[in-house]
Structures are given as structure tokens and as C-alpha cells.
Amino acid sequence: MKNTEYLAQRISEINGIKLAVDTIMNVIGITTENGDSIC
């Protein structure tokens, strides 16, 4: 059960980092024609 809890925490961290990177990329304006972030 501890492994599942740890994994969920890691996934949350990864998703948080991805969300932050996407936000920063959107602010900088590095986007494709579709409006999607490159990263």
C-alpha cells in the first residue's frame, strides 16, 4: 500500500511540473500553430 501512495505522490509531482512548464511556455509564447505547447 505504501508503494501505491508513493507512486501517486510522484505522479502528482510530475503532473504539477508538466502543468507549470506548459504555463511558462504559453506565457513565453512558444506554441505551435494549433496553440499546443512544444513541450
C-alpha atoms as a PDB file:
ATOM      1  CA  MET A   1       0.000   0.000   0.000  1.00  0.00           C
ATOM      2  CA  LYS A   2       2.912   2.296   0.730  1.00  0.00           C
ATOM      3  CA  ASN A   3       4.208   1.839  -2.823  1.00  0.00           C
ATOM      4  CA  THR A   4       0.866   2.920  -4.286  1.00  0.00           C
ATOM      5  CA  GLU A   5       0.840   6.014  -2.091  1.00  0.00           C
ATOM      6  CA  TYR A   6       4.406   6.853  -3.138  1.00  0.00           C
ATOM      7  CA  LEU A   7       3.580   6.340  -6.804  1.00  0.00           C
ATOM      8  CA  ALA A   8       0.514   8.580  -6.573  1.00  0.00           C
ATOM      9  CA  GLN A   9       2.655  11.289  -4.990  1.00  0.00           C
ATOM     10  CA  ARG A  10       5.264  11.021  -7.750  1.00  0.00           C
ATOM     11  CA  ILE A  11       2.572  11.227 -10.449  1.00  0.00           C
ATOM     12  CA  SER A  12       1.158  14.336  -8.780  1.00  0.00           C
ATOM     13  CA  GLU A  13       4.609  15.936  -8.771  1.00  0.00           C
ATOM     14  CA  ILE A  14       5.207  15.072 -12.433  1.00  0.00           C
ATOM     15  CA  ASN A  15       1.783  16.439 -13.430  1.00  0.00           C
ATOM     16  CA  GLY A  16       2.458  19.605 -11.434  1.00  0.00           C
ATOM     17  CA  ILE A  17       5.799  20.102 -13.168  1.00  0.00           C
ATOM     18  CA  LYS A  18       4.264  19.492 -16.604  1.00  0.00           C
ATOM     19  CA  LEU A  19       1.467  21.952 -15.851  1.00  0.00           C
ATOM     20  CA  ALA A  20       3.977  24.573 -14.712  1.00  0.00           C
ATOM     21  CA  VAL A  21       6.119  24.049 -17.826  1.00  0.00           C
ATOM     22  CA  ASP A  22       3.069  24.312 -20.100  1.00  0.00           C
ATOM     23  CA  THR A  23       2.020  27.527 -18.376  1.00  0.00           C
ATOM     24  CA  ILE A  24       5.505  29.026 -18.689  1.00  0.00           C
ATOM     25  CA  MET A  25       5.708  28.038 -22.356  1.00  0.00           C
ATOM     26  CA  ASN A  26       2.324  29.655 -23.001  1.00  0.00           C
ATOM     27  CA  VAL A  27       3.442  32.843 -21.257  1.00  0.00           C
ATOM     28  CA  ILE A  28       6.669  32.931 -23.267  1.00  0.00           C
ATOM     29  CA  GLY A  29       4.635  32.244 -26.382  1.00  0.00           C
ATOM     30  CA  ILE A  30       6.468  29.162 -27.629  1.00  0.00           C
ATOM     31  CA  THR A  31       3.472  27.410 -29.127  1.00  0.00           C
ATOM     32  CA  THR A  32       2.655  25.571 -32.326  1.00  0.00           C
ATOM     33  CA  GLU A  33       0.068  26.756 -34.833  1.00  0.00           C
ATOM     34  CA  ASN A  34      -2.533  24.659 -33.026  1.00  0.00           C
ATOM     35  CA  GLY A  35      -1.822  26.515 -29.802  1.00  0.00           C
ATOM     36  CA  ASP A  36      -0.275  23.448 -28.185  1.00  0.00           C
ATOM     37  CA  SER A  37       2.922  23.731 -26.185  1.00  0.00           C
ATOM     38  CA  ILE A  38       6.023  22.265 -27.772  1.00  0.00           C
ATOM     39  CA  CYS A  39       6.950  20.503 -24.524  1.00  0.00           C
END
